[in-house]
Amino acid sequence: MNLLEMIVMIALVALTTMATRFAPFIIFKSDKAPPKFLGYLGRALPPAVFGMLVVYCLKSVSLLAFPFGLPELIGVVVVVCLHLIFRKMLVSIIGGTGVYLVLVNLVLI
């Protein structure tokens, strides 16, 4: 890839990113209420996405071979407990991921 192709590629990526950021403000004017389906999507999609992430992360866990899904189970429990205590998504995710990684790499070798 030569310099001109790199510049064109970077410009296209920048324009595409800017277009996706500015489109809602151009399409939905501030004087009118947005369509009801957007409100529904705003409420329904976040839990659905996190549900899909949980299924994706746990889909290949083997309950019949060592360590029998124990690190994953402990990680999920830590995430739930941290979220119930702190109500901060970032704390929950980082805490659960950290506990899982410690278990997998240092404890259950």
PDB file of N, CA and C in Angstrom:
ATOM      1  N   MET A   1       0.855  -1.165   0.000  1.00  0.00           N
ATOM      2  CA  MET A   1       0.000   0.000   0.000  1.00  0.00           C
ATOM      3  C   MET A   1       0.908   1.238   0.000  1.00  0.00           C
ATOM      4  N   ASN A   2       0.718   2.084  -0.989  1.00  0.00           N
ATOM      5  CA  ASN A   2       1.558   3.282  -1.068  1.00  0.00           C
ATOM      6  C   ASN A   2       0.960   4.426  -0.242  1.00  0.00           C
ATOM      7  N   LEU A   3       1.652   5.541  -0.213  1.00  0.00           N
ATOM      8  CA  LEU A   3       1.254   6.669   0.640  1.00  0.00           C
ATOM      9  C   LEU A   3      -0.112   7.217   0.247  1.00  0.00           C
ATOM     10  N   LEU A   4      -0.393   7.342  -1.037  1.00  0.00           N
ATOM     11  CA  LEU A   4      -1.682   7.878  -1.487  1.00  0.00           C
ATOM     12  C   LEU A   4      -2.832   6.964  -1.057  1.00  0.00           C
ATOM     13  N   GLU A   5      -2.652   5.666  -1.205  1.00  0.00           N
ATOM     14  CA  GLU A   5      -3.694   4.729  -0.780  1.00  0.00           C
ATOM     15  C   GLU A   5      -3.931   4.815   0.720  1.00  0.00           C
ATOM     16  N   MET A   6      -2.868   4.974   1.512  1.00  0.00           N
ATOM     17  CA  MET A   6      -3.022   5.108   2.960  1.00  0.00           C
ATOM     18  C   MET A   6      -3.786   6.380   3.322  1.00  0.00           C
ATOM     19  N   ILE A   7      -3.466   7.471   2.650  1.00  0.00           N
ATOM     20  CA  ILE A   7      -4.156   8.738   2.924  1.00  0.00           C
ATOM     21  C   ILE A   7      -5.633   8.627   2.570  1.00  0.00           C
ATOM     22  N   VAL A   8      -5.934   8.020   1.420  1.00  0.00           N
ATOM     23  CA  VAL A   8      -7.331   7.841   1.003  1.00  0.00           C
ATOM     24  C   VAL A   8      -8.058   6.937   2.002  1.00  0.00           C
ATOM     25  N   MET A   9      -7.410   5.866   2.434  1.00  0.00           N
ATOM     26  CA  MET A   9      -8.033   4.938   3.388  1.00  0.00           C
ATOM     27  C   MET A   9      -8.330   5.648   4.706  1.00  0.00           C
ATOM     28  N   ILE A  10      -7.376   6.394   5.231  1.00  0.00           N
ATOM     29  CA  ILE A  10      -7.575   7.114   6.486  1.00  0.00           C
ATOM     30  C   ILE A  10      -8.677   8.157   6.339  1.00  0.00           C
ATOM     31  N   ALA A  11      -8.709   8.850   5.215  1.00  0.00           N
ATOM     32  CA  ALA A  11      -9.750   9.860   4.982  1.00  0.00           C
ATOM     33  C   ALA A  11     -11.123   9.211   4.923  1.00  0.00           C
ATOM     34  N   LEU A  12     -11.248   8.074   4.248  1.00  0.00           N
ATOM     35  CA  LEU A  12     -12.539   7.390   4.160  1.00  0.00           C
ATOM     36  C   LEU A  12     -13.004   6.892   5.530  1.00  0.00           C
ATOM     37  N   VAL A  13     -12.086   6.349   6.302  1.00  0.00           N
ATOM     38  CA  VAL A  13     -12.451   5.889   7.646  1.00  0.00           C
ATOM     39  C   VAL A  13     -12.892   7.074   8.506  1.00  0.00           C
ATOM     40  N   ALA A  14     -12.165   8.187   8.427  1.00  0.00           N
ATOM     41  CA  ALA A  14     -12.531   9.371   9.201  1.00  0.00           C
ATOM     42  C   ALA A  14     -13.898   9.911   8.780  1.00  0.00           C
ATOM     43  N   LEU A  15     -14.150   9.985   7.476  1.00  0.00           N
ATOM     44  CA  LEU A  15     -15.449  10.476   6.988  1.00  0.00           C
ATOM     45  C   LEU A  15     -16.591   9.551   7.401  1.00  0.00           C
ATOM     46  N   THR A  16     -16.353   8.256   7.308  1.00  0.00           N
ATOM     47  CA  THR A  16     -17.392   7.300   7.704  1.00  0.00           C
ATOM     48  C   THR A  16     -17.691   7.422   9.191  1.00  0.00           C
ATOM     49  N   THR A  17     -16.652   7.535   9.998  1.00  0.00           N
ATOM     50  CA  THR A  17     -16.854   7.687  11.441  1.00  0.00           C
ATOM     51  C   THR A  17     -17.606   8.973  11.747  1.00  0.00           C
ATOM     52  N   MET A  18     -17.218  10.069  11.109  1.00  0.00           N
ATOM     53  CA  MET A  18     -17.906  11.341  11.335  1.00  0.00           C
ATOM     54  C   MET A  18     -19.363  11.264  10.879  1.00  0.00           C
ATOM     55  N   ALA A  19     -19.616  10.593   9.757  1.00  0.00           N
ATOM     56  CA  ALA A  19     -20.991  10.474   9.252  1.00  0.00           C
ATOM     57  C   ALA A  19     -21.874   9.723  10.241  1.00  0.00           C
ATOM     58  N   THR A  20     -21.356   8.645  10.827  1.00  0.00           N
ATOM     59  CA  THR A  20     -22.169   7.906  11.793  1.00  0.00           C
ATOM     60  C   THR A  20     -22.392   8.695  13.073  1.00  0.00           C
ATOM     61  N   ARG A  21     -21.468   9.560  13.420  1.00  0.00           N
ATOM     62  CA  ARG A  21     -21.627  10.384  14.628  1.00  0.00           C
ATOM     63  C   ARG A  21     -22.615  11.540  14.401  1.00  0.00           C
ATOM     64  N   PHE A  22     -22.578  12.128  13.211  1.00  0.00           N
ATOM     65  CA  PHE A  22     -23.410  13.301  12.932  1.00  0.00           C
ATOM     66  C   PHE A  22     -24.798  12.951  12.418  1.00  0.00           C
ATOM     67  N   ALA A  23     -24.982  11.751  11.865  1.00  0.00           N
ATOM     68  CA  ALA A  23     -26.257  11.379  11.236  1.00  0.00           C
ATOM     69  C   ALA A  23     -27.464  11.537  12.158  1.00  0.00           C
ATOM     70  N   PRO A  24     -27.416  11.074  13.414  1.00  0.00           N
ATOM     71  CA  PRO A  24     -28.605  11.237  14.258  1.00  0.00           C
ATOM     72  C   PRO A  24     -29.012  12.700  14.449  1.00  0.00           C
ATOM     73  N   PHE A  25     -28.035  13.596  14.530  1.00  0.00           N
ATOM     74  CA  PHE A  25     -28.357  15.013  14.730  1.00  0.00           C
ATOM     75  C   PHE A  25     -28.927  15.631  13.460  1.00  0.00           C
ATOM     76  N   ILE A  26     -28.551  15.102  12.319  1.00  0.00           N
ATOM     77  CA  ILE A  26     -29.084  15.604  11.051  1.00  0.00           C
ATOM     78  C   ILE A  26     -30.466  15.014  10.773  1.00  0.00           C
ATOM     79  N   ILE A  27     -30.625  13.720  11.027  1.00  0.00           N
ATOM     80  CA  ILE A  27     -31.893  13.044  10.721  1.00  0.00           C
ATOM     81  C   ILE A  27     -32.991  13.446  11.699  1.00  0.00           C
ATOM     82  N   PHE A  28     -32.662  13.459  13.001  1.00  0.00           N
ATOM     83  CA  PHE A  28     -33.664  13.752  14.025  1.00  0.00           C
ATOM     84  C   PHE A  28     -33.424  15.153  14.564  1.00  0.00           C
ATOM     85  N   LYS A  29     -34.240  16.069  14.146  1.00  0.00           N
ATOM     86  CA  LYS A  29     -34.123  17.464  14.582  1.00  0.00           C
ATOM     87  C   LYS A  29     -34.522  17.572  16.051  1.00  0.00           C
ATOM     88  N   SER A  30     -33.983  18.558  16.739  1.00  0.00           N
ATOM     89  CA  SER A  30     -34.241  18.693  18.170  1.00  0.00           C
ATOM     90  C   SER A  30     -35.654  19.195  18.472  1.00  0.00           C
ATOM     91  N   ASP A  31     -36.329  19.781  17.491  1.00  0.00           N
ATOM     92  CA  ASP A  31     -37.678  20.295  17.754  1.00  0.00           C
ATOM     93  C   ASP A  31     -38.751  19.216  17.681  1.00  0.00           C
ATOM     94  N   LYS A  32     -38.407  18.030  17.136  1.00  0.00           N
ATOM     95  CA  LYS A  32     -39.381  16.938  17.053  1.00  0.00           C
ATOM     96  C   LYS A  32     -38.912  15.771  17.908  1.00  0.00           C
ATOM     97  N   ALA A  33     -39.870  15.028  18.447  1.00  0.00           N
ATOM     98  CA  ALA A  33     -39.532  13.844  19.234  1.00  0.00           C
ATOM     99  C   ALA A  33     -39.089  12.725  18.295  1.00  0.00           C
ATOM    100  N   PRO A  34     -38.104  11.939  18.701  1.00  0.00           N
ATOM    101  CA  PRO A  34     -37.668  10.822  17.852  1.00  0.00           C
ATOM    102  C   PRO A  34     -38.747   9.740  17.804  1.00  0.00           C
ATOM    103  N   PRO A  35     -38.705   8.884  16.801  1.00  0.00           N
ATOM    104  CA  PRO A  35     -39.707   7.811  16.705  1.00  0.00           C
ATOM    105  C   PRO A  35     -39.685   6.907  17.944  1.00  0.00           C
ATOM    106  N   LYS A  36     -40.847   6.326  18.235  1.00  0.00           N
ATOM    107  CA  LYS A  36     -40.979   5.501  19.437  1.00  0.00           C
ATOM    108  C   LYS A  36     -40.098   4.256  19.386  1.00  0.00           C
ATOM    109  N   PHE A  37     -39.855   3.717  18.186  1.00  0.00           N
ATOM    110  CA  PHE A  37     -39.055   2.508  18.101  1.00  0.00           C
ATOM    111  C   PHE A  37     -37.604   2.768  18.529  1.00  0.00           C
ATOM    112  N   LEU A  38     -37.124   3.994  18.383  1.00  0.00           N
ATOM    113  CA  LEU A  38     -35.775   4.304  18.853  1.00  0.00           C
ATOM    114  C   LEU A  38     -35.698   4.273  20.375  1.00  0.00           C
ATOM    115  N   GLY A  39     -36.747   4.740  21.023  1.00  0.00           N
ATOM    116  CA  GLY A  39     -36.800   4.650  22.483  1.00  0.00           C
ATOM    117  C   GLY A  39     -36.826   3.208  22.945  1.00  0.00           C
ATOM    118  N   TYR A  40     -37.603   2.393  22.221  1.00  0.00           N
ATOM    119  CA  TYR A  40     -37.661   0.959  22.539  1.00  0.00           C
ATOM    120  C   TYR A  40     -36.286   0.310  22.357  1.00  0.00           C
ATOM    121  N   LEU A  41     -35.614   0.603  21.243  1.00  0.00           N
ATOM    122  CA  LEU A  41     -34.287   0.044  21.000  1.00  0.00           C
ATOM    123  C   LEU A  41     -33.293   0.492  22.066  1.00  0.00           C
ATOM    124  N   GLY A  42     -33.405   1.736  22.497  1.00  0.00           N
ATOM    125  CA  GLY A  42     -32.516   2.240  23.534  1.00  0.00           C
ATOM    126  C   GLY A  42     -32.698   1.525  24.860  1.00  0.00           C
ATOM    127  N   ARG A  43     -33.915   1.059  25.124  1.00  0.00           N
ATOM    128  CA  ARG A  43     -34.170   0.313  26.360  1.00  0.00           C
ATOM    129  C   ARG A  43     -33.875  -1.173  26.209  1.00  0.00           C
ATOM    130  N   ALA A  44     -34.135  -1.748  25.043  1.00  0.00           N
ATOM    131  CA  ALA A  44     -34.051  -3.199  24.862  1.00  0.00           C
ATOM    132  C   ALA A  44     -32.669  -3.698  24.449  1.00  0.00           C
ATOM    133  N   LEU A  45     -31.930  -2.925  23.685  1.00  0.00           N
ATOM    134  CA  LEU A  45     -30.663  -3.431  23.150  1.00  0.00           C
ATOM    135  C   LEU A  45     -29.556  -3.631  24.186  1.00  0.00           C
ATOM    136  N   PRO A  46     -29.335  -2.724  25.134  1.00  0.00           N
ATOM    137  CA  PRO A  46     -28.230  -2.972  26.079  1.00  0.00           C
ATOM    138  C   PRO A  46     -28.342  -4.291  26.840  1.00  0.00           C
ATOM    139  N   PRO A  47     -29.491  -4.633  27.435  1.00  0.00           N
ATOM    140  CA  PRO A  47     -29.558  -5.942  28.102  1.00  0.00           C
ATOM    141  C   PRO A  47     -29.414  -7.105  27.116  1.00  0.00           C
ATOM    142  N   ALA A  48     -29.938  -6.949  25.908  1.00  0.00           N
ATOM    143  CA  ALA A  48     -29.824  -8.016  24.916  1.00  0.00           C
ATOM    144  C   ALA A  48     -28.370  -8.230  24.509  1.00  0.00           C
ATOM    145  N   VAL A  49     -27.628  -7.153  24.328  1.00  0.00           N
ATOM    146  CA  VAL A  49     -26.216  -7.262  23.949  1.00  0.00           C
ATOM    147  C   VAL A  49     -25.424  -7.933  25.067  1.00  0.00           C
ATOM    148  N   PHE A  50     -25.652  -7.538  26.299  1.00  0.00           N
ATOM    149  CA  PHE A  50     -24.919  -8.161  27.398  1.00  0.00           C
ATOM    150  C   PHE A  50     -25.313  -9.621  27.573  1.00  0.00           C
ATOM    151  N   GLY A  51     -26.573  -9.942  27.353  1.00  0.00           N
ATOM    152  CA  GLY A  51     -26.991 -11.347  27.383  1.00  0.00           C
ATOM    153  C   GLY A  51     -26.281 -12.166  26.316  1.00  0.00           C
ATOM    154  N   MET A  52     -26.176 -11.610  25.118  1.00  0.00           N
ATOM    155  CA  MET A  52     -25.468 -12.305  24.048  1.00  0.00           C
ATOM    156  C   MET A  52     -23.986 -12.461  24.381  1.00  0.00           C
ATOM    157  N   LEU A  53     -23.374 -11.458  25.006  1.00  0.00           N
ATOM    158  CA  LEU A  53     -21.970 -11.562  25.393  1.00  0.00           C
ATOM    159  C   LEU A  53     -21.754 -12.659  26.434  1.00  0.00           C
ATOM    160  N   VAL A  54     -22.665 -12.781  27.378  1.00  0.00           N
ATOM    161  CA  VAL A  54     -22.552 -13.836  28.380  1.00  0.00           C
ATOM    162  C   VAL A  54     -22.641 -15.200  27.716  1.00  0.00           C
ATOM    163  N   VAL A  55     -23.614 -15.374  26.834  1.00  0.00           N
ATOM    164  CA  VAL A  55     -23.760 -16.655  26.118  1.00  0.00           C
ATOM    165  C   VAL A  55     -22.516 -16.942  25.293  1.00  0.00           C
ATOM    166  N   TYR A  56     -21.997 -15.941  24.597  1.00  0.00           N
ATOM    167  CA  TYR A  56     -20.807 -16.128  23.767  1.00  0.00           C
ATOM    168  C   TYR A  56     -19.597 -16.509  24.620  1.00  0.00           C
ATOM    169  N   CYS A  57     -19.436 -15.868  25.754  1.00  0.00           N
ATOM    170  CA  CYS A  57     -18.278 -16.146  26.605  1.00  0.00           C
ATOM    171  C   CYS A  57     -18.358 -17.516  27.268  1.00  0.00           C
ATOM    172  N   LEU A  58     -19.542 -17.997  27.531  1.00  0.00           N
ATOM    173  CA  LEU A  58     -19.696 -19.266  28.249  1.00  0.00           C
ATOM    174  C   LEU A  58     -20.020 -20.444  27.336  1.00  0.00           C
ATOM    175  N   LYS A  59     -20.095 -20.219  26.033  1.00  0.00           N
ATOM    176  CA  LYS A  59     -20.529 -21.282  25.116  1.00  0.00           C
ATOM    177  C   LYS A  59     -19.555 -22.447  25.030  1.00  0.00           C
ATOM    178  N   SER A  60     -18.277 -22.214  25.225  1.00  0.00           N
ATOM    179  CA  SER A  60     -17.300 -23.290  25.059  1.00  0.00           C
ATOM    180  C   SER A  60     -16.773 -23.817  26.392  1.00  0.00           C
ATOM    181  N   VAL A  61     -17.461 -23.556  27.465  1.00  0.00           N
ATOM    182  CA  VAL A  61     -17.044 -24.046  28.778  1.00  0.00           C
ATOM    183  C   VAL A  61     -17.372 -25.529  28.875  1.00  0.00           C
ATOM    184  N   SER A  62     -16.369 -26.318  29.216  1.00  0.00           N
ATOM    185  CA  SER A  62     -16.567 -27.754  29.380  1.00  0.00           C
ATOM    186  C   SER A  62     -16.818 -28.070  30.850  1.00  0.00           C
ATOM    187  N   LEU A  63     -17.989 -28.590  31.125  1.00  0.00           N
ATOM    188  CA  LEU A  63     -18.338 -28.943  32.498  1.00  0.00           C
ATOM    189  C   LEU A  63     -17.882 -30.355  32.862  1.00  0.00           C
ATOM    190  N   LEU A  64     -17.384 -31.102  31.868  1.00  0.00           N
ATOM    191  CA  LEU A  64     -16.986 -32.485  32.105  1.00  0.00           C
ATOM    192  C   LEU A  64     -15.479 -32.667  32.232  1.00  0.00           C
ATOM    193  N   ALA A  65     -14.698 -31.634  31.976  1.00  0.00           N
ATOM    194  CA  ALA A  65     -13.239 -31.726  32.065  1.00  0.00           C
ATOM    195  C   ALA A  65     -12.724 -30.683  33.052  1.00  0.00           C
ATOM    196  N   PHE A  66     -11.563 -31.001  33.657  1.00  0.00           N
ATOM    197  CA  PHE A  66     -10.968 -30.062  34.609  1.00  0.00           C
ATOM    198  C   PHE A  66     -10.739 -28.734  33.930  1.00  0.00           C
ATOM    199  N   PRO A  67     -11.048 -27.619  34.530  1.00  0.00           N
ATOM    200  CA  PRO A  67     -11.503 -27.333  35.900  1.00  0.00           C
ATOM    201  C   PRO A  67     -13.017 -27.241  36.037  1.00  0.00           C
ATOM    202  N   PHE A  68     -13.747 -27.896  35.137  1.00  0.00           N
ATOM    203  CA  PHE A  68     -15.202 -28.054  35.249  1.00  0.00           C
ATOM    204  C   PHE A  68     -15.971 -26.738  35.243  1.00  0.00           C
ATOM    205  N   GLY A  69     -15.438 -25.731  34.571  1.00  0.00           N
ATOM    206  CA  GLY A  69     -16.117 -24.441  34.476  1.00  0.00           C
ATOM    207  C   GLY A  69     -16.034 -23.602  35.735  1.00  0.00           C
ATOM    208  N   LEU A  70     -15.177 -23.996  36.653  1.00  0.00           N
ATOM    209  CA  LEU A  70     -15.070 -23.288  37.923  1.00  0.00           C
ATOM    210  C   LEU A  70     -14.570 -21.849  37.775  1.00  0.00           C
ATOM    211  N   PRO A  71     -13.523 -21.578  36.967  1.00  0.00           N
ATOM    212  CA  PRO A  71     -13.090 -20.176  36.823  1.00  0.00           C
ATOM    213  C   PRO A  71     -14.173 -19.286  36.227  1.00  0.00           C
ATOM    214  N   GLU A  72     -14.902 -19.808  35.263  1.00  0.00           N
ATOM    215  CA  GLU A  72     -15.972 -19.026  34.642  1.00  0.00           C
ATOM    216  C   GLU A  72     -17.094 -18.750  35.637  1.00  0.00           C
ATOM    217  N   LEU A  73     -17.464 -19.777  36.396  1.00  0.00           N
ATOM    218  CA  LEU A  73     -18.522 -19.608  37.393  1.00  0.00           C
ATOM    219  C   LEU A  73     -18.116 -18.590  38.452  1.00  0.00           C
ATOM    220  N   ILE A  74     -16.886 -18.688  38.938  1.00  0.00           N
ATOM    221  CA  ILE A  74     -16.415 -17.733  39.944  1.00  0.00           C
ATOM    222  C   ILE A  74     -16.363 -16.322  39.355  1.00  0.00           C
ATOM    223  N   GLY A  75     -15.904 -16.211  38.111  1.00  0.00           N
ATOM    224  CA  GLY A  75     -15.871 -14.902  37.448  1.00  0.00           C
ATOM    225  C   GLY A  75     -17.252 -14.282  37.322  1.00  0.00           C
ATOM    226  N   VAL A  76     -18.229 -15.088  36.940  1.00  0.00           N
ATOM    227  CA  VAL A  76     -19.604 -14.583  36.811  1.00  0.00           C
ATOM    228  C   VAL A  76     -20.147 -14.155  38.169  1.00  0.00           C
ATOM    229  N   VAL A  77     -19.888 -14.952  39.208  1.00  0.00           N
ATOM    230  CA  VAL A  77     -20.356 -14.608  40.558  1.00  0.00           C
ATOM    231  C   VAL A  77     -19.714 -13.301  41.027  1.00  0.00           C
ATOM    232  N   VAL A  78     -18.420 -13.129  40.746  1.00  0.00           N
ATOM    233  CA  VAL A  78     -17.736 -11.886  41.127  1.00  0.00           C
ATOM    234  C   VAL A  78     -18.341 -10.693  40.400  1.00  0.00           C
ATOM    235  N   VAL A  79     -18.627 -10.857  39.105  1.00  0.00           N
ATOM    236  CA  VAL A  79     -19.242  -9.765  38.342  1.00  0.00           C
ATOM    237  C   VAL A  79     -20.590  -9.385  38.953  1.00  0.00           C
ATOM    238  N   VAL A  80     -21.407 -10.369  39.248  1.00  0.00           N
ATOM    239  CA  VAL A  80     -22.742 -10.098  39.810  1.00  0.00           C
ATOM    240  C   VAL A  80     -22.612  -9.428  41.180  1.00  0.00           C
ATOM    241  N   CYS A  81     -21.732  -9.952  42.036  1.00  0.00           N
ATOM    242  CA  CYS A  81     -21.568  -9.368  43.376  1.00  0.00           C
ATOM    243  C   CYS A  81     -21.051  -7.937  43.303  1.00  0.00           C
ATOM    244  N   LEU A  82     -20.036  -7.708  42.468  1.00  0.00           N
ATOM    245  CA  LEU A  82     -19.510  -6.350  42.340  1.00  0.00           C
ATOM    246  C   LEU A  82     -20.559  -5.392  41.798  1.00  0.00           C
ATOM    247  N   HIS A  83     -21.370  -5.881  40.862  1.00  0.00           N
ATOM    248  CA  HIS A  83     -22.395  -4.993  40.321  1.00  0.00           C
ATOM    249  C   HIS A  83     -23.469  -4.681  41.368  1.00  0.00           C
ATOM    250  N   LEU A  84     -23.833  -5.677  42.164  1.00  0.00           N
ATOM    251  CA  LEU A  84     -24.826  -5.432  43.209  1.00  0.00           C
ATOM    252  C   LEU A  84     -24.292  -4.484  44.277  1.00  0.00           C
ATOM    253  N   ILE A  85     -23.000  -4.536  44.539  1.00  0.00           N
ATOM    254  CA  ILE A  85     -22.405  -3.678  45.563  1.00  0.00           C
ATOM    255  C   ILE A  85     -22.184  -2.256  45.052  1.00  0.00           C
ATOM    256  N   PHE A  86     -21.520  -2.130  43.887  1.00  0.00           N
ATOM    257  CA  PHE A  86     -21.089  -0.818  43.418  1.00  0.00           C
ATOM    258  C   PHE A  86     -21.995  -0.186  42.366  1.00  0.00           C
ATOM    259  N   ARG A  87     -22.775  -0.993  41.663  1.00  0.00           N
ATOM    260  CA  ARG A  87     -23.647  -0.485  40.585  1.00  0.00           C
ATOM    261  C   ARG A  87     -22.864   0.264  39.505  1.00  0.00           C
ATOM    262  N   LYS A  88     -21.631  -0.160  39.259  1.00  0.00           N
ATOM    263  CA  LYS A  88     -20.786   0.431  38.224  1.00  0.00           C
ATOM    264  C   LYS A  88     -20.367  -0.680  37.270  1.00  0.00           C
ATOM    265  N   MET A  89     -20.771  -0.565  36.022  1.00  0.00           N
ATOM    266  CA  MET A  89     -20.523  -1.623  35.058  1.00  0.00           C
ATOM    267  C   MET A  89     -19.031  -1.862  34.853  1.00  0.00           C
ATOM    268  N   LEU A  90     -18.255  -0.799  34.779  1.00  0.00           N
ATOM    269  CA  LEU A  90     -16.825  -0.935  34.536  1.00  0.00           C
ATOM    270  C   LEU A  90     -16.136  -1.668  35.688  1.00  0.00           C
ATOM    271  N   VAL A  91     -16.511  -1.356  36.913  1.00  0.00           N
ATOM    272  CA  VAL A  91     -15.939  -2.044  38.077  1.00  0.00           C
ATOM    273  C   VAL A  91     -16.279  -3.529  38.018  1.00  0.00           C
ATOM    274  N   SER A  92     -17.509  -3.847  37.683  1.00  0.00           N
ATOM    275  CA  SER A  92     -17.951  -5.242  37.618  1.00  0.00           C
ATOM    276  C   SER A  92     -17.176  -6.015  36.558  1.00  0.00           C
ATOM    277  N   ILE A  93     -17.073  -5.451  35.366  1.00  0.00           N
ATOM    278  CA  ILE A  93     -16.423  -6.149  34.263  1.00  0.00           C
ATOM    279  C   ILE A  93     -14.934  -6.318  34.532  1.00  0.00           C
ATOM    280  N   ILE A  94     -14.268  -5.257  34.966  1.00  0.00           N
ATOM    281  CA  ILE A  94     -12.829  -5.348  35.228  1.00  0.00           C
ATOM    282  C   ILE A  94     -12.554  -6.293  36.400  1.00  0.00           C
ATOM    283  N   GLY A  95     -13.349  -6.211  37.447  1.00  0.00           N
ATOM    284  CA  GLY A  95     -13.158  -7.097  38.595  1.00  0.00           C
ATOM    285  C   GLY A  95     -13.358  -8.559  38.244  1.00  0.00           C
ATOM    286  N   GLY A  96     -14.435  -8.868  37.547  1.00  0.00           N
ATOM    287  CA  GLY A  96     -14.695 -10.255  37.155  1.00  0.00           C
ATOM    288  C   GLY A  96     -13.663 -10.787  36.189  1.00  0.00           C
ATOM    289  N   THR A  97     -13.256  -9.956  35.236  1.00  0.00           N
ATOM    290  CA  THR A  97     -12.230 -10.378  34.282  1.00  0.00           C
ATOM    291  C   THR A  97     -10.907 -10.609  34.994  1.00  0.00           C
ATOM    292  N   GLY A  98     -10.564  -9.725  35.916  1.00  0.00           N
ATOM    293  CA  GLY A  98      -9.319  -9.888  36.669  1.00  0.00           C
ATOM    294  C   GLY A  98      -9.306 -11.162  37.485  1.00  0.00           C
ATOM    295  N   VAL A  99     -10.391 -11.438  38.182  1.00  0.00           N
ATOM    296  CA  VAL A  99     -10.477 -12.666  38.985  1.00  0.00           C
ATOM    297  C   VAL A  99     -10.382 -13.891  38.076  1.00  0.00           C
ATOM    298  N   TYR A 100     -11.078 -13.878  36.960  1.00  0.00           N
ATOM    299  CA  TYR A 100     -11.034 -14.999  36.018  1.00  0.00           C
ATOM    300  C   TYR A 100      -9.612 -15.223  35.507  1.00  0.00           C
ATOM    301  N   LEU A 101      -8.927 -14.157  35.119  1.00  0.00           N
ATOM    302  CA  LEU A 101      -7.571 -14.296  34.586  1.00  0.00           C
ATOM    303  C   LEU A 101      -6.602 -14.802  35.649  1.00  0.00           C
ATOM    304  N   VAL A 102      -6.736 -14.333  36.866  1.00  0.00           N
ATOM    305  CA  VAL A 102      -5.881 -14.833  37.945  1.00  0.00           C
ATOM    306  C   VAL A 102      -6.131 -16.317  38.166  1.00  0.00           C
ATOM    307  N   LEU A 103      -7.398 -16.723  38.189  1.00  0.00           N
ATOM    308  CA  LEU A 103      -7.721 -18.135  38.388  1.00  0.00           C
ATOM    309  C   LEU A 103      -7.149 -19.005  37.273  1.00  0.00           C
ATOM    310  N   VAL A 104      -7.333 -18.574  36.050  1.00  0.00           N
ATOM    311  CA  VAL A 104      -6.908 -19.384  34.904  1.00  0.00           C
ATOM    312  C   VAL A 104      -5.384 -19.442  34.803  1.00  0.00           C
ATOM    313  N   ASN A 105      -4.706 -18.329  35.060  1.00  0.00           N
ATOM    314  CA  ASN A 105      -3.261 -18.268  34.826  1.00  0.00           C
ATOM    315  C   ASN A 105      -2.393 -18.602  36.037  1.00  0.00           C
ATOM    316  N   LEU A 106      -2.902 -18.398  37.236  1.00  0.00           N
ATOM    317  CA  LEU A 106      -2.063 -18.596  38.397  1.00  0.00           C
ATOM    318  C   LEU A 106      -2.538 -19.703  39.338  1.00  0.00           C
ATOM    319  N   VAL A 107      -3.818 -19.905  39.426  1.00  0.00           N
ATOM    320  CA  VAL A 107      -4.339 -20.866  40.392  1.00  0.00           C
ATOM    321  C   VAL A 107      -4.583 -22.229  39.748  1.00  0.00           C
ATOM    322  N   LEU A 108      -5.346 -22.262  38.686  1.00  0.00           N
ATOM    323  CA  LEU A 108      -5.739 -23.513  38.057  1.00  0.00           C
ATOM    324  C   LEU A 108      -4.896 -23.786  36.816  1.00  0.00           C
ATOM    325  N   ILE A 109      -3.625 -23.954  37.011  1.00  0.00           N
ATOM    326  CA  ILE A 109      -2.710 -24.155  35.870  1.00  0.00           C
ATOM    327  C   ILE A 109      -2.805 -25.575  35.373  1.00  0.00           C
TER     328      ILE A 109
END
